[in-house]
Amino acid sequence: MSINRIDALFARLEQEQRAAFVPYVMAGDPDKLLSTEILLSLPNYGADMVELGMPFSDPMADGPAIQAASQRSLVNRTTVAKVLEQAAMFRTAHKDTPLILMGYANPILQFG
């Protein structure tokens, strides 16, 4: 059985006896170009893992900061396909850094 990126990260962090730095960024906020630049730069500034937000039209389970970021992202016409495009760019640039997508099931189910 192969070890996945997240398990490998937490094994390393346990050996180093430290917590993980896991920043969050909303795809498409404040715009596609800047959010992509931010996403791609995070591991260079110490991120152990990155959480990439997928915007949703009614983000009721999130706090005001993520709700506002989601709305700005949707105004910029961010779609699931565009989020996955950003994730693919991240994976190309950072082969070993875990990337987690955070969002609601509805857009994923709609996407298929």
N, C-alpha and C. Protein backbone atom coordinates (compact mmCIF):
# COMPACT_ATOMS: atom_id res chain seq x y z
N MET A 1 0.85 -1.19 0.00
CA MET A 1 0.00 0.00 0.00
C MET A 1 0.89 1.25 0.00
N SER A 2 0.60 2.16 -0.90
CA SER A 2 1.40 3.38 -0.95
C SER A 2 0.85 4.40 0.04
N ILE A 3 1.72 5.22 0.55
CA ILE A 3 1.32 6.26 1.49
C ILE A 3 0.91 7.50 0.70
N ASN A 4 -0.16 8.14 1.11
CA ASN A 4 -0.59 9.34 0.38
C ASN A 4 0.10 10.58 0.93
N ARG A 5 -0.05 11.69 0.24
CA ARG A 5 0.63 12.93 0.61
C ARG A 5 0.27 13.40 2.01
N ILE A 6 -0.99 13.27 2.39
CA ILE A 6 -1.44 13.75 3.70
C ILE A 6 -0.84 12.88 4.80
N ASP A 7 -0.91 11.56 4.64
CA ASP A 7 -0.31 10.67 5.63
C ASP A 7 1.19 10.91 5.76
N ALA A 8 1.86 11.09 4.63
CA ALA A 8 3.31 11.35 4.65
C ALA A 8 3.60 12.66 5.39
N LEU A 9 2.79 13.69 5.14
CA LEU A 9 2.98 14.97 5.81
C LEU A 9 2.84 14.81 7.32
N PHE A 10 1.77 14.17 7.76
CA PHE A 10 1.55 14.06 9.21
C PHE A 10 2.57 13.16 9.88
N ALA A 11 3.08 12.18 9.18
CA ALA A 11 4.17 11.35 9.73
C ALA A 11 5.42 12.22 9.93
N ARG A 12 5.72 13.06 8.95
CA ARG A 12 6.88 13.94 9.05
C ARG A 12 6.69 14.97 10.17
N LEU A 13 5.50 15.53 10.27
CA LEU A 13 5.23 16.52 11.31
C LEU A 13 5.32 15.90 12.70
N GLU A 14 4.90 14.66 12.82
CA GLU A 14 5.00 13.97 14.10
C GLU A 14 6.48 13.80 14.49
N GLN A 15 7.30 13.43 13.53
CA GLN A 15 8.74 13.30 13.79
C GLN A 15 9.34 14.64 14.18
N GLU A 16 8.90 15.71 13.52
CA GLU A 16 9.41 17.05 13.80
C GLU A 16 8.76 17.67 15.04
N GLN A 17 7.74 17.02 15.57
CA GLN A 17 7.00 17.48 16.75
C GLN A 17 6.49 18.92 16.57
N ARG A 18 5.78 19.10 15.44
CA ARG A 18 5.19 20.42 15.19
C ARG A 18 3.84 20.27 14.51
N ALA A 19 3.09 21.36 14.56
CA ALA A 19 1.77 21.39 13.92
C ALA A 19 1.94 21.75 12.45
N ALA A 20 0.90 21.46 11.69
CA ALA A 20 0.90 21.79 10.26
C ALA A 20 0.44 23.23 10.06
N PHE A 21 1.03 23.88 9.08
CA PHE A 21 0.55 25.19 8.62
C PHE A 21 -0.27 24.92 7.37
N VAL A 22 -1.61 25.13 7.48
CA VAL A 22 -2.53 24.82 6.39
C VAL A 22 -3.35 26.06 6.06
N PRO A 23 -2.84 26.92 5.16
CA PRO A 23 -3.61 28.10 4.78
C PRO A 23 -4.76 27.75 3.83
N TYR A 24 -5.73 28.64 3.82
CA TYR A 24 -6.93 28.50 2.98
C TYR A 24 -6.95 29.64 1.97
N VAL A 25 -7.29 29.32 0.74
CA VAL A 25 -7.48 30.35 -0.28
C VAL A 25 -8.72 29.98 -1.10
N MET A 26 -9.54 30.98 -1.39
CA MET A 26 -10.73 30.75 -2.21
C MET A 26 -10.34 30.90 -3.68
N ALA A 27 -10.61 29.89 -4.46
CA ALA A 27 -10.35 29.97 -5.90
C ALA A 27 -11.14 31.13 -6.50
N GLY A 28 -10.47 31.93 -7.32
CA GLY A 28 -11.16 33.02 -8.01
C GLY A 28 -11.34 34.28 -7.21
N ASP A 29 -10.77 34.36 -6.01
CA ASP A 29 -10.91 35.55 -5.18
C ASP A 29 -9.53 36.11 -4.84
N PRO A 30 -9.24 37.35 -5.14
CA PRO A 30 -10.14 38.38 -5.65
C PRO A 30 -10.38 38.29 -7.15
N ASP A 31 -9.50 37.55 -7.86
CA ASP A 31 -9.72 37.25 -9.27
C ASP A 31 -8.91 36.00 -9.59
N LYS A 32 -9.11 35.46 -10.78
CA LYS A 32 -8.47 34.19 -11.13
C LYS A 32 -6.95 34.29 -11.11
N LEU A 33 -6.40 35.35 -11.69
CA LEU A 33 -4.95 35.48 -11.78
C LEU A 33 -4.31 35.58 -10.41
N LEU A 34 -4.81 36.49 -9.57
CA LEU A 34 -4.21 36.68 -8.26
C LEU A 34 -4.42 35.47 -7.36
N SER A 35 -5.60 34.86 -7.41
CA SER A 35 -5.82 33.67 -6.57
C SER A 35 -4.91 32.52 -6.99
N THR A 36 -4.63 32.42 -8.29
CA THR A 36 -3.71 31.38 -8.76
C THR A 36 -2.29 31.68 -8.27
N GLU A 37 -1.88 32.94 -8.36
CA GLU A 37 -0.55 33.32 -7.87
C GLU A 37 -0.42 33.04 -6.38
N ILE A 38 -1.44 33.39 -5.61
CA ILE A 38 -1.42 33.13 -4.17
C ILE A 38 -1.32 31.63 -3.91
N LEU A 39 -2.19 30.87 -4.56
CA LEU A 39 -2.21 29.41 -4.38
C LEU A 39 -0.85 28.81 -4.67
N LEU A 40 -0.26 29.17 -5.79
CA LEU A 40 1.01 28.58 -6.20
C LEU A 40 2.17 29.01 -5.30
N SER A 41 2.05 30.16 -4.65
CA SER A 41 3.14 30.66 -3.81
C SER A 41 3.13 30.09 -2.39
N LEU A 42 2.01 29.60 -1.92
CA LEU A 42 1.89 29.21 -0.51
C LEU A 42 2.94 28.21 -0.04
N PRO A 43 3.23 27.13 -0.78
CA PRO A 43 4.28 26.22 -0.30
C PRO A 43 5.65 26.89 -0.20
N ASN A 44 5.91 27.89 -1.03
CA ASN A 44 7.18 28.62 -0.97
C ASN A 44 7.30 29.46 0.30
N TYR A 45 6.18 29.72 0.96
CA TYR A 45 6.17 30.51 2.19
C TYR A 45 5.86 29.65 3.42
N GLY A 46 6.05 28.35 3.30
CA GLY A 46 5.96 27.49 4.46
C GLY A 46 4.70 26.67 4.63
N ALA A 47 3.76 26.77 3.72
CA ALA A 47 2.54 25.96 3.84
C ALA A 47 2.89 24.49 3.73
N ASP A 48 2.43 23.72 4.69
CA ASP A 48 2.64 22.27 4.66
C ASP A 48 1.60 21.58 3.79
N MET A 49 0.41 22.15 3.77
CA MET A 49 -0.72 21.65 3.01
C MET A 49 -1.55 22.88 2.68
N VAL A 50 -2.33 22.82 1.61
CA VAL A 50 -3.14 23.98 1.22
C VAL A 50 -4.58 23.53 1.05
N GLU A 51 -5.49 24.38 1.51
CA GLU A 51 -6.92 24.15 1.35
C GLU A 51 -7.42 25.15 0.31
N LEU A 52 -7.99 24.63 -0.77
CA LEU A 52 -8.50 25.46 -1.86
C LEU A 52 -10.02 25.47 -1.82
N GLY A 53 -10.58 26.63 -1.62
CA GLY A 53 -12.03 26.77 -1.53
C GLY A 53 -12.70 26.79 -2.88
N MET A 54 -13.84 26.12 -2.97
CA MET A 54 -14.68 26.14 -4.16
C MET A 54 -15.89 27.00 -3.83
N PRO A 55 -16.15 28.06 -4.59
CA PRO A 55 -17.25 28.96 -4.24
C PRO A 55 -18.61 28.28 -4.37
N PHE A 56 -19.53 28.77 -3.54
CA PHE A 56 -20.89 28.25 -3.54
C PHE A 56 -21.83 29.43 -3.37
N SER A 57 -22.98 29.37 -4.01
CA SER A 57 -23.91 30.50 -4.03
C SER A 57 -24.59 30.75 -2.69
N ASP A 58 -24.65 29.77 -1.83
CA ASP A 58 -25.35 29.92 -0.55
C ASP A 58 -24.52 29.28 0.57
N PRO A 59 -23.36 29.85 0.88
CA PRO A 59 -22.43 29.22 1.82
C PRO A 59 -22.83 29.44 3.28
N MET A 60 -23.95 28.88 3.71
CA MET A 60 -24.49 29.13 5.04
C MET A 60 -23.67 28.50 6.16
N ALA A 61 -22.92 27.46 5.90
CA ALA A 61 -22.15 26.80 6.95
C ALA A 61 -20.82 27.49 7.21
N ASP A 62 -20.50 28.51 6.43
CA ASP A 62 -19.22 29.20 6.56
C ASP A 62 -19.41 30.54 7.26
N GLY A 63 -18.31 31.05 7.79
CA GLY A 63 -18.34 32.36 8.44
C GLY A 63 -18.35 33.47 7.41
N PRO A 64 -18.42 34.70 7.90
CA PRO A 64 -18.55 35.86 7.00
C PRO A 64 -17.38 36.04 6.03
N ALA A 65 -16.16 35.72 6.46
CA ALA A 65 -15.00 35.92 5.57
C ALA A 65 -15.08 34.98 4.36
N ILE A 66 -15.39 33.70 4.61
CA ILE A 66 -15.48 32.74 3.51
C ILE A 66 -16.73 33.00 2.67
N GLN A 67 -17.82 33.42 3.30
CA GLN A 67 -19.02 33.77 2.54
C GLN A 67 -18.72 34.91 1.57
N ALA A 68 -18.03 35.93 2.05
CA ALA A 68 -17.71 37.08 1.18
C ALA A 68 -16.75 36.67 0.06
N ALA A 69 -15.76 35.84 0.39
CA ALA A 69 -14.81 35.38 -0.63
C ALA A 69 -15.54 34.55 -1.68
N SER A 70 -16.46 33.73 -1.24
CA SER A 70 -17.24 32.90 -2.17
C SER A 70 -18.06 33.78 -3.12
N GLN A 71 -18.69 34.80 -2.59
CA GLN A 71 -19.49 35.69 -3.42
C GLN A 71 -18.63 36.45 -4.42
N ARG A 72 -17.46 36.93 -3.98
CA ARG A 72 -16.55 37.62 -4.91
C ARG A 72 -16.10 36.67 -6.01
N SER A 73 -15.81 35.44 -5.64
CA SER A 73 -15.36 34.44 -6.61
C SER A 73 -16.46 34.16 -7.65
N LEU A 74 -17.68 34.05 -7.19
CA LEU A 74 -18.79 33.79 -8.12
C LEU A 74 -19.02 34.98 -9.04
N VAL A 75 -18.85 36.19 -8.54
CA VAL A 75 -18.95 37.38 -9.40
C VAL A 75 -17.91 37.29 -10.51
N ASN A 76 -16.76 36.69 -10.21
CA ASN A 76 -15.70 36.50 -11.20
C ASN A 76 -15.92 35.28 -12.08
N ARG A 77 -17.10 34.66 -11.95
CA ARG A 77 -17.50 33.52 -12.78
C ARG A 77 -16.64 32.28 -12.58
N THR A 78 -16.22 32.06 -11.34
CA THR A 78 -15.46 30.85 -11.02
C THR A 78 -16.40 29.66 -11.03
N THR A 79 -15.98 28.61 -11.72
CA THR A 79 -16.75 27.38 -11.82
C THR A 79 -15.96 26.22 -11.23
N VAL A 80 -16.60 25.08 -11.05
CA VAL A 80 -15.90 23.89 -10.59
C VAL A 80 -14.76 23.55 -11.55
N ALA A 81 -15.01 23.67 -12.83
CA ALA A 81 -13.97 23.37 -13.82
C ALA A 81 -12.77 24.28 -13.64
N LYS A 82 -13.00 25.56 -13.35
CA LYS A 82 -11.90 26.50 -13.16
C LYS A 82 -11.14 26.20 -11.86
N VAL A 83 -11.86 25.76 -10.82
CA VAL A 83 -11.20 25.37 -9.58
C VAL A 83 -10.30 24.17 -9.83
N LEU A 84 -10.81 23.19 -10.56
CA LEU A 84 -10.01 22.00 -10.87
C LEU A 84 -8.80 22.35 -11.74
N GLU A 85 -8.96 23.35 -12.59
CA GLU A 85 -7.84 23.85 -13.40
C GLU A 85 -6.74 24.41 -12.49
N GLN A 86 -7.14 25.20 -11.49
CA GLN A 86 -6.18 25.74 -10.54
C GLN A 86 -5.52 24.61 -9.75
N ALA A 87 -6.31 23.62 -9.35
CA ALA A 87 -5.75 22.48 -8.61
C ALA A 87 -4.72 21.74 -9.46
N ALA A 88 -5.00 21.58 -10.72
CA ALA A 88 -4.05 20.90 -11.62
C ALA A 88 -2.76 21.70 -11.75
N MET A 89 -2.85 23.01 -11.83
CA MET A 89 -1.65 23.85 -11.90
C MET A 89 -0.84 23.71 -10.61
N PHE A 90 -1.54 23.68 -9.48
CA PHE A 90 -0.86 23.50 -8.20
C PHE A 90 -0.12 22.16 -8.16
N ARG A 91 -0.79 21.11 -8.60
CA ARG A 91 -0.18 19.79 -8.57
C ARG A 91 1.04 19.72 -9.47
N THR A 92 1.02 20.39 -10.61
CA THR A 92 2.17 20.42 -11.51
C THR A 92 3.35 21.13 -10.83
N ALA A 93 3.05 22.23 -10.13
CA ALA A 93 4.10 23.02 -9.50
C ALA A 93 4.60 22.43 -8.19
N HIS A 94 3.73 21.73 -7.48
CA HIS A 94 4.06 21.22 -6.14
C HIS A 94 3.61 19.77 -6.03
N LYS A 95 4.45 18.89 -6.48
CA LYS A 95 4.11 17.47 -6.57
C LYS A 95 3.84 16.80 -5.22
N ASP A 96 4.51 17.25 -4.15
CA ASP A 96 4.40 16.57 -2.87
C ASP A 96 3.52 17.27 -1.85
N THR A 97 3.18 18.52 -2.08
CA THR A 97 2.38 19.26 -1.11
C THR A 97 0.91 18.85 -1.21
N PRO A 98 0.32 18.38 -0.10
CA PRO A 98 -1.10 18.01 -0.15
C PRO A 98 -1.98 19.22 -0.46
N LEU A 99 -3.00 18.98 -1.25
CA LEU A 99 -3.99 19.99 -1.61
C LEU A 99 -5.37 19.41 -1.30
N ILE A 100 -6.14 20.16 -0.53
CA ILE A 100 -7.48 19.72 -0.16
C ILE A 100 -8.48 20.70 -0.76
N LEU A 101 -9.50 20.19 -1.40
CA LEU A 101 -10.57 21.05 -1.91
C LEU A 101 -11.65 21.16 -0.83
N MET A 102 -12.09 22.38 -0.55
CA MET A 102 -13.13 22.58 0.45
C MET A 102 -14.33 23.22 -0.24
N GLY A 103 -15.47 22.61 -0.06
CA GLY A 103 -16.66 23.17 -0.66
C GLY A 103 -17.89 22.35 -0.29
N TYR A 104 -18.94 22.60 -0.99
CA TYR A 104 -20.21 21.93 -0.78
C TYR A 104 -20.40 20.85 -1.83
N ALA A 105 -21.19 19.85 -1.50
CA ALA A 105 -21.42 18.72 -2.41
C ALA A 105 -22.22 19.11 -3.64
N ASN A 106 -23.14 20.06 -3.52
CA ASN A 106 -24.03 20.41 -4.62
C ASN A 106 -23.30 20.75 -5.92
N PRO A 107 -22.29 21.63 -5.90
CA PRO A 107 -21.60 21.94 -7.16
C PRO A 107 -20.90 20.73 -7.76
N ILE A 108 -20.35 19.88 -6.91
CA ILE A 108 -19.66 18.67 -7.39
C ILE A 108 -20.68 17.73 -8.04
N LEU A 109 -21.80 17.54 -7.39
CA LEU A 109 -22.84 16.66 -7.95
C LEU A 109 -23.35 17.23 -9.28
N GLN A 110 -23.51 18.53 -9.36
CA GLN A 110 -23.98 19.17 -10.58
C GLN A 110 -22.95 19.02 -11.70
N PHE A 111 -21.66 19.14 -11.31
CA PHE A 111 -20.56 19.02 -12.27
C PHE A 111 -20.51 17.62 -12.87
N GLY A 112 -20.79 16.63 -12.03
CA GLY A 112 -20.80 15.23 -12.50
C GLY A 112 -19.53 14.48 -12.26
